[in-house]
Protein backbone atom coordinates (compact mmCIF):
# COMPACT_ATOMS: atom_id res chain seq x y z
CA UNK A 1 -22.60 23.75 -41.23
CA UNK A 2 -25.57 26.17 -41.80
CA UNK A 3 -23.00 29.10 -40.82
CA UNK A 4 -20.66 28.27 -43.98
CA UNK A 5 -23.23 29.70 -46.26
CA UNK A 6 -24.17 32.83 -44.44
CA UNK A 7 -20.50 33.96 -44.64
CA UNK A 8 -19.43 35.31 -47.88
CA UNK A 9 -15.71 35.05 -47.34
CA UNK A 10 -14.37 31.99 -45.78
CA UNK A 11 -11.04 31.25 -44.21
CA UNK A 12 -9.34 28.22 -45.90
CA UNK A 13 -9.33 25.96 -42.62
CA UNK A 14 -12.55 26.39 -42.23
CA UNK A 15 -13.44 25.46 -45.78
CA UNK A 16 -11.54 22.18 -45.99
CA UNK A 17 -12.79 21.38 -42.73
CA UNK A 18 -16.43 21.41 -44.14
CA UNK A 19 -15.19 19.45 -47.45
CA UNK A 20 -13.66 16.95 -45.32
CA UNK A 21 -16.92 16.28 -43.46
CA UNK A 22 -18.94 15.83 -46.60
CA UNK A 23 -16.16 13.52 -47.83
CA UNK A 24 -16.60 11.24 -44.66
CA UNK A 25 -20.54 11.43 -45.13
CA UNK A 26 -20.27 10.30 -48.70
CA UNK A 27 -17.71 7.46 -47.67
CA UNK A 28 -20.04 6.41 -44.96
CA UNK A 29 -22.88 5.91 -47.44
CA UNK A 30 -20.87 4.26 -50.04
CA UNK A 31 -19.65 1.87 -47.00
CA UNK A 32 -23.65 0.95 -46.27
CA UNK A 33 -24.39 0.40 -49.94
CA UNK A 34 -21.17 -1.76 -50.37
CA UNK A 35 -22.15 -3.72 -46.79
CA UNK A 36 -25.71 -4.09 -48.23
CA UNK A 37 -24.18 -5.29 -51.56
CA UNK A 38 -22.18 -8.11 -49.54
CA UNK A 39 -25.29 -9.17 -47.73
CA UNK A 40 -26.82 -10.28 -51.25
CA UNK A 41 -28.66 -7.03 -52.51
CA UNK A 42 -28.96 -6.16 -56.00
CA UNK A 43 -28.47 -3.44 -58.02
CA UNK A 44 -30.23 -2.91 -61.63
CA UNK A 45 -28.14 -1.75 -64.31
CA UNK A 46 -29.22 2.06 -63.95
CA UNK A 47 -28.19 1.62 -60.17
CA UNK A 48 -24.85 -0.49 -60.78
CA UNK A 49 -23.52 2.24 -63.18
CA UNK A 50 -24.63 5.74 -61.18
CA UNK A 51 -23.23 3.94 -57.90
CA UNK A 52 -19.61 3.25 -59.86
CA UNK A 53 -19.94 6.98 -61.16
CA UNK A 54 -20.33 8.12 -57.34
CA UNK A 55 -17.31 5.98 -56.13
CA UNK A 56 -15.13 7.34 -59.19
CA UNK A 57 -16.51 11.03 -57.82
CA UNK A 58 -15.38 10.35 -54.34
CA UNK A 59 -12.31 9.04 -55.55
CA UNK A 60 -11.75 12.37 -57.41
CA UNK A 61 -12.83 14.85 -54.55
CA UNK A 62 -10.98 12.92 -52.15
CA UNK A 63 -7.49 12.95 -54.33
CA UNK A 64 -8.20 16.80 -54.62
CA UNK A 65 -8.91 16.93 -50.68
CA UNK A 66 -5.77 15.08 -49.86
CA UNK A 67 -3.49 16.97 -52.58
CA UNK A 68 -4.82 20.24 -52.25
CA UNK A 69 -5.71 21.05 -55.68
CA UNK A 70 -8.47 21.66 -57.91
CA UNK A 71 -7.34 19.63 -61.06
CA UNK A 72 -7.91 16.00 -61.73
CA UNK A 73 -8.00 13.88 -64.82
CA UNK A 74 -10.83 13.28 -66.53
CA UNK A 75 -12.95 14.89 -63.80
CA UNK A 76 -16.30 13.93 -63.44
CA UNK A 77 -18.58 17.13 -63.20
CA UNK A 78 -22.61 15.40 -64.03
CA UNK A 79 -23.53 12.21 -62.63
CA UNK A 80 -26.28 11.70 -65.35
CA UNK A 81 -23.63 12.48 -68.26
CA UNK A 82 -20.03 11.14 -66.81
CA UNK A 83 -18.54 11.58 -69.94
CA UNK A 84 -19.17 15.63 -70.24
CA UNK A 85 -15.97 17.66 -69.43
CA UNK A 86 -15.76 21.30 -68.52
CA UNK A 87 -14.39 23.43 -71.59
CA UNK A 88 -12.54 26.66 -70.12
CA UNK A 89 -13.42 29.37 -72.75
CA UNK A 90 -12.31 32.58 -71.25
CA UNK A 91 -15.67 34.35 -71.99
CA UNK A 92 -16.88 36.84 -69.51
CA UNK A 93 -20.55 35.65 -69.34
CA UNK A 94 -19.62 31.57 -69.23
CA UNK A 95 -16.13 31.08 -68.38
CA UNK A 96 -16.46 27.16 -68.50
CA UNK A 97 -18.79 25.37 -70.91
CA UNK A 98 -19.73 21.77 -70.89
CA UNK A 99 -20.53 19.59 -73.67
CA UNK A 100 -18.88 18.01 -76.84
CA UNK A 101 -16.40 20.05 -78.96
CA UNK A 102 -16.35 19.75 -83.04
CA UNK A 103 -13.97 20.31 -85.53
CA UNK A 104 -15.65 20.55 -88.93
CA UNK A 105 -14.28 21.41 -92.35
CA UNK A 106 -16.75 22.59 -95.57
CA UNK A 107 -15.94 21.85 -99.22
CA UNK A 108 -18.29 22.74 -101.74
CA UNK A 109 -20.70 23.56 -99.20
CA UNK A 110 -20.51 19.97 -97.56
CA UNK A 111 -19.80 19.90 -94.08
CA UNK A 112 -17.28 17.17 -92.70
CA UNK A 113 -16.89 16.27 -89.12
CA UNK A 114 -13.07 16.05 -88.41
CA UNK A 115 -12.91 15.83 -85.12
CA UNK A 116 -16.08 14.79 -82.06
CA UNK A 117 -14.71 14.75 -78.17
CA UNK A 118 -16.07 15.56 -75.23
CA UNK A 119 -12.73 16.37 -73.78
CA UNK A 120 -10.98 19.89 -74.20
CA UNK A 121 -8.56 19.82 -77.41
CA UNK A 122 -6.79 22.55 -79.22
CA UNK A 123 -8.34 22.48 -82.75
CA UNK A 124 -4.73 23.72 -84.28
CA UNK A 125 -3.46 19.98 -83.90
CA UNK A 126 -6.26 18.95 -86.50
CA UNK A 127 -5.62 21.44 -89.12
CA UNK A 128 -2.79 19.61 -90.80
CA UNK A 129 -4.85 16.53 -90.78
CA UNK A 130 -7.85 18.29 -92.15
CA UNK A 131 -5.79 19.57 -95.39
CA UNK A 132 -4.38 16.30 -95.62
CA UNK A 133 -7.70 14.39 -95.32
CA UNK A 134 -9.00 16.52 -98.37
CA UNK A 135 -5.82 15.32 -100.12
CA UNK A 136 -6.97 11.62 -99.62
CA UNK A 137 -10.52 12.22 -100.42
CA UNK A 138 -10.36 14.84 -103.48
CA UNK A 139 -6.92 14.63 -104.68
CA UNK A 140 -6.47 18.24 -104.38
CA UNK A 141 -5.56 20.65 -101.55
CA UNK A 142 -7.99 23.44 -100.89
CA UNK A 143 -7.13 26.54 -102.81
CA UNK A 144 -7.84 28.28 -99.77
CA UNK A 145 -7.95 28.16 -95.93
CA UNK A 146 -11.05 30.35 -94.01
CA UNK A 147 -9.75 30.38 -90.26
CA UNK A 148 -10.18 32.03 -87.04
CA UNK A 149 -7.54 33.85 -85.16
CA UNK A 150 -6.61 30.92 -83.00
CA UNK A 151 -5.45 28.90 -86.21
CA UNK A 152 -2.92 31.86 -87.94
CA UNK A 153 0.29 30.93 -86.43
CA UNK A 154 -0.13 26.91 -87.38
CA UNK A 155 -1.45 27.87 -90.69
CA UNK A 156 1.46 30.40 -91.32
CA UNK A 157 3.86 27.66 -90.76
CA UNK A 158 2.10 25.22 -93.03
CA UNK A 159 1.72 27.89 -95.68
CA UNK A 160 5.81 28.39 -95.56
CA UNK A 161 6.26 24.44 -95.75
CA UNK A 162 3.91 23.67 -98.62
CA UNK A 163 3.20 27.35 -100.25
CA UNK A 164 0.20 26.20 -102.12
CA UNK A 165 -2.42 27.59 -100.10
CA UNK A 166 -4.31 31.00 -99.60
CA UNK A 167 -5.39 31.98 -96.35
CA UNK A 168 -8.02 33.93 -95.40
CA UNK A 169 -9.07 34.89 -92.25
CA UNK A 170 -8.65 37.78 -89.32
CA UNK A 171 -5.03 38.15 -88.64
CA UNK A 172 -3.53 37.93 -84.89
CA UNK A 173 -1.89 41.38 -86.04
CA UNK A 174 -4.94 43.56 -87.04
CA UNK A 175 -2.71 45.88 -88.76
CA UNK A 176 -1.53 43.20 -91.35
CA UNK A 177 -3.56 42.14 -94.41
CA UNK A 178 -5.63 39.29 -94.02
CA UNK A 179 -5.20 37.59 -97.25
CA UNK A 180 -1.79 36.19 -97.77
CA UNK A 181 -0.95 34.99 -101.48
CA UNK A 182 1.07 32.52 -102.33
CA UNK A 183 2.19 30.92 -105.52
CA UNK A 184 1.17 27.50 -106.15
CA UNK A 185 3.91 24.62 -106.49
CA UNK A 186 4.67 23.57 -109.81
């Protein structure tokens, strides 16, 4: 077991053997706790919650080991905060971030929370809903929408369909203009 950390490049078979051993240790310990509970032992609320989280983590890790995959639905990465999910960002310094992801819109200096989620989501899906939300509250569509590059494709389709917005923001194609003026609907 100690030799594993000393070698930078490990063979796949050796790594799987080590993971299998670690899973067996956790299974053994979970079995001991279950046996103590069956004999009348009690856990306080915090311990019961932590025990349940550990059982879920064990089940997820076992599933990934048996199916030889690195992905599992709603993967738990923290025992203290089991609701936190990893978010792949593609940045060089921090390729994976943890925590909540939010989607905000601003109208007249007032920020409105459109979406708050600990699971990863694509903001493009919320754009049309945010514009409709403004219509529901203020009775008007926004005159312009300031966006990041990720929104450009969806926003262009939305503009073409509704023909009511000006779009400002960096274009996906840097040679194109960053402002798309359109006529208002009568």
